[in-house]
Amino acid sequence: LTRSQIEARGRREVLEQQTAQWKIIAQRLEASLKNAATINARLNQSEARYKGLVEAQGDAIFRRDASSRLTYGNDAFFRLFGLTPGRAIGYPFAPQPHPDSRSPIFGGFAALEQGRGRARYDQHVRTTSGYRWIAWEDYAVRDSHGRLVEVQSVGRDITERKALEDALTEARDSAEEASKAKSGFLATMSHE
């Protein structure tokens, strides 16, 4: 065999080895891509389930950043306040309190910024159904360094509960007044 044939045979063997290595790498890459596609499909299913749960909630759920700009809202939230995502996302949001309301001011992040994970409060606000009492629960969303990034708020209409509480308070006050009047009457009658 000539020297050029021996060199050609050596180059062919090197090329065959490199081709075999490339085939192994291609097979591993295909397996990784299939695995990534499977994981992505599971993630999409999980996201769809989560979104379905959030959207099916009767409670108003939304998120806002540190500047109170709306970053997310579920359908119940947009219906409650008569908003549309296109006109609300990215803009500051705070519900309009009732003129006589002494309930906490919406969007105060102080409790959440001080390390507490949640804050609860009731607020009397304007909705598409008129003024309603909403029980809010705010949750801190923090980055990997523990800094407050967003606040997720869940609001439930408790107007009927507030009406019952007011009726109970009024009934208790009336009963106390009646009891005082009765005591006064009996005291007057016993002295006569």
Protein backbone atom coordinates (compact mmCIF):
# COMPACT_ATOMS: atom_id res chain seq x y z
CA LEU A 1 0.00 0.00 0.00
CA THR A 2 1.16 3.42 -0.77
CA ARG A 3 1.60 6.14 1.74
CA SER A 4 -1.33 8.16 0.37
CA GLN A 5 -3.62 5.12 0.70
CA ILE A 6 -2.55 4.62 4.31
CA GLU A 7 -3.19 8.33 5.05
CA ALA A 8 -6.57 8.14 3.30
CA ARG A 9 -7.50 5.02 5.33
CA GLY A 10 -6.48 6.86 8.55
CA ARG A 11 -8.57 9.90 7.61
CA ARG A 12 -11.52 7.63 6.79
CA GLU A 13 -11.24 5.90 10.21
CA VAL A 14 -11.08 9.28 11.99
CA LEU A 15 -14.12 10.47 10.00
CA GLU A 16 -16.00 7.28 10.85
CA GLN A 17 -15.20 7.75 14.56
CA GLN A 18 -16.29 11.40 14.42
CA THR A 19 -19.48 10.43 12.57
CA ALA A 20 -20.27 7.82 15.24
CA GLN A 21 -19.67 10.41 17.99
CA TRP A 22 -21.92 12.92 16.19
CA LYS A 23 -24.66 10.27 15.91
CA ILE A 24 -24.45 9.63 19.66
CA ILE A 25 -24.58 13.37 20.36
CA ALA A 26 -27.56 13.75 17.99
CA GLN A 27 -29.38 10.87 19.73
CA ARG A 28 -28.76 12.43 23.14
CA LEU A 29 -29.92 15.80 21.86
CA GLU A 30 -33.10 14.25 20.42
CA ALA A 31 -33.77 12.51 23.76
CA SER A 32 -33.22 15.80 25.61
CA LEU A 33 -35.56 17.63 23.24
CA LYS A 34 -38.25 14.95 23.71
CA ASN A 35 -37.83 15.21 27.48
CA ALA A 36 -38.05 19.02 27.32
CA ALA A 37 -41.18 18.76 25.14
CA THR A 38 -42.77 16.37 27.66
CA ILE A 39 -41.92 18.66 30.57
CA ASN A 40 -43.22 21.68 28.62
CA ALA A 41 -46.49 19.86 27.86
CA ARG A 42 -46.91 19.01 31.58
CA LEU A 43 -46.15 22.61 32.51
CA ASN A 44 -48.73 23.88 30.01
CA GLN A 45 -51.32 21.47 31.43
CA SER A 46 -50.53 22.56 34.97
CA GLU A 47 -50.74 26.22 33.98
CA ALA A 48 -54.09 25.62 32.26
CA ARG A 49 -55.44 23.85 35.39
CA TYR A 50 -54.21 26.67 37.64
CA LYS A 51 -55.68 29.33 35.36
CA GLY A 52 -58.96 27.40 35.26
CA LEU A 53 -59.08 27.34 39.06
CA VAL A 54 -58.32 31.05 39.34
CA GLU A 55 -60.81 32.00 36.64
CA ALA A 56 -63.54 29.79 38.15
CA GLN A 57 -63.24 31.52 41.52
CA GLY A 58 -66.11 33.71 42.52
CA ASP A 59 -63.60 35.83 44.41
CA ALA A 60 -61.90 38.77 42.74
CA ILE A 61 -58.21 37.99 42.32
CA PHE A 62 -55.63 40.40 41.01
CA ARG A 63 -51.99 41.37 41.25
CA ARG A 64 -50.34 44.77 41.31
CA ASP A 65 -46.74 45.93 41.42
CA ALA A 66 -45.16 48.23 44.00
CA SER A 67 -46.57 51.25 42.11
CA SER A 68 -50.09 49.73 42.35
CA ARG A 69 -50.11 49.08 38.59
CA LEU A 70 -52.32 46.13 37.75
CA THR A 71 -50.35 43.14 36.43
CA TYR A 72 -53.10 40.48 36.48
CA GLY A 73 -56.80 40.14 37.17
CA ASN A 74 -59.22 37.23 36.90
CA ASP A 75 -62.64 37.49 35.24
CA ALA A 76 -64.43 37.97 38.58
CA PHE A 77 -62.19 40.95 39.36
CA PHE A 78 -62.84 42.63 36.00
CA ARG A 79 -66.62 42.03 36.32
CA LEU A 80 -66.73 43.35 39.90
CA PHE A 81 -65.13 46.67 38.97
CA GLY A 82 -66.39 46.96 35.38
CA LEU A 83 -62.90 46.88 33.88
CA THR A 84 -61.39 45.26 30.81
CA PRO A 85 -57.90 43.76 30.79
CA GLY A 86 -56.75 45.88 27.85
CA ARG A 87 -57.67 49.12 29.58
CA ALA A 88 -56.60 48.12 33.12
CA ILE A 89 -53.41 46.02 32.93
CA GLY A 90 -50.36 48.22 33.39
CA TYR A 91 -52.29 51.08 35.00
CA PRO A 92 -52.67 51.96 38.70
CA PHE A 93 -55.73 50.48 40.38
CA ALA A 94 -57.45 51.29 43.64
CA PRO A 95 -61.21 50.88 44.18
CA GLN A 96 -63.22 53.99 45.02
CA PRO A 97 -64.16 53.93 48.71
CA HIS A 98 -67.64 54.86 49.91
CA PRO A 99 -67.75 58.59 50.83
CA ASP A 100 -68.64 57.76 54.46
CA SER A 101 -66.16 54.90 54.66
CA ARG A 102 -63.70 54.71 57.50
CA SER A 103 -62.30 51.41 56.25
CA PRO A 104 -58.57 51.06 55.56
CA ILE A 105 -57.12 52.70 52.50
CA PHE A 106 -56.57 50.17 49.75
CA GLY A 107 -53.10 49.23 48.63
CA GLY A 108 -51.13 50.05 51.74
CA PHE A 109 -48.08 47.82 51.39
CA ALA A 110 -46.58 48.78 54.76
CA ALA A 111 -47.59 45.59 56.58
CA LEU A 112 -46.36 43.45 53.71
CA GLU A 113 -43.10 45.40 53.38
CA GLN A 114 -42.39 44.85 57.08
CA GLY A 115 -42.08 41.13 56.48
CA ARG A 116 -45.63 40.02 57.13
CA GLY A 117 -46.81 37.66 54.44
CA ARG A 118 -50.44 38.74 54.45
CA ALA A 119 -52.74 41.55 55.40
CA ARG A 120 -56.53 41.34 55.85
CA TYR A 121 -59.05 44.17 55.90
CA ASP A 122 -62.63 45.01 54.93
CA GLN A 123 -63.39 47.88 52.61
CA HIS A 124 -66.63 49.55 51.48
CA VAL A 125 -66.07 50.30 47.77
CA ARG A 126 -67.86 51.15 44.55
CA THR A 127 -68.47 48.19 42.24
CA THR A 128 -70.63 47.57 39.18
CA SER A 129 -73.39 46.57 41.65
CA GLY A 130 -73.10 49.78 43.66
CA TYR A 131 -71.24 50.14 46.93
CA ARG A 132 -70.33 46.76 48.38
CA TRP A 133 -68.29 45.54 51.35
CA ILE A 134 -65.25 43.58 50.18
CA ALA A 135 -63.05 41.50 52.51
CA TRP A 136 -59.52 41.75 51.09
CA GLU A 137 -56.60 39.48 51.79
CA ASP A 138 -53.29 40.68 50.38
CA TYR A 139 -50.36 38.31 49.88
CA ALA A 140 -46.77 39.42 49.42
CA VAL A 141 -44.98 38.11 46.31
CA ARG A 142 -41.24 38.36 46.85
CA ASP A 143 -38.18 37.90 44.65
CA SER A 144 -35.30 35.53 45.49
CA HIS A 145 -33.76 38.26 47.70
CA GLY A 146 -36.95 38.69 49.75
CA ARG A 147 -37.88 42.05 48.25
CA LEU A 148 -41.57 42.78 47.73
CA VAL A 149 -42.22 42.59 43.99
CA GLU A 150 -46.00 42.30 43.74
CA VAL A 151 -49.05 41.99 45.94
CA GLN A 152 -51.75 39.48 45.12
CA SER A 153 -55.15 40.46 46.46
CA VAL A 154 -58.19 38.24 46.89
CA GLY A 155 -61.47 40.01 47.52
CA ARG A 156 -64.79 38.50 48.59
CA ASP A 157 -68.10 40.35 48.69
CA ILE A 158 -69.28 40.32 52.32
CA THR A 159 -72.06 42.90 52.01
CA GLU A 160 -74.73 40.50 53.29
CA ARG A 161 -72.58 39.54 56.29
CA LYS A 162 -72.05 43.22 57.13
CA ALA A 163 -75.81 43.82 56.90
CA LEU A 164 -76.44 40.92 59.30
CA GLU A 165 -73.77 42.26 61.69
CA ASP A 166 -75.41 45.70 61.60
CA ALA A 167 -78.85 44.16 62.20
CA LEU A 168 -77.50 42.15 65.16
CA THR A 169 -75.84 45.24 66.62
CA GLU A 170 -79.07 47.20 66.23
CA ALA A 171 -81.11 44.39 67.81
CA ARG A 172 -78.65 44.14 70.72
CA ASP A 173 -78.78 47.92 71.25
CA SER A 174 -82.59 47.85 71.15
CA ALA A 175 -82.67 44.96 73.63
CA GLU A 176 -80.33 46.85 75.97
CA GLU A 177 -82.49 49.97 75.72
CA ALA A 178 -85.62 47.90 76.40
CA SER A 179 -83.91 46.25 79.37
CA LYS A 180 -82.92 49.66 80.78
CA ALA A 181 -86.47 50.96 80.28
CA LYS A 182 -87.90 47.87 81.96
CA SER A 183 -85.49 48.22 84.89
CA GLY A 184 -86.42 51.88 85.23
CA PHE A 185 -90.12 51.08 85.09
CA LEU A 186 -89.80 48.32 87.68
CA ALA A 187 -87.73 50.57 89.96
CA THR A 188 -90.35 53.31 89.70
CA MET A 189 -93.20 50.85 90.31
CA SER A 190 -91.53 49.27 93.34
CA HIS A 191 -91.15 52.67 95.02
CA GLU A 192 -94.78 53.53 94.55
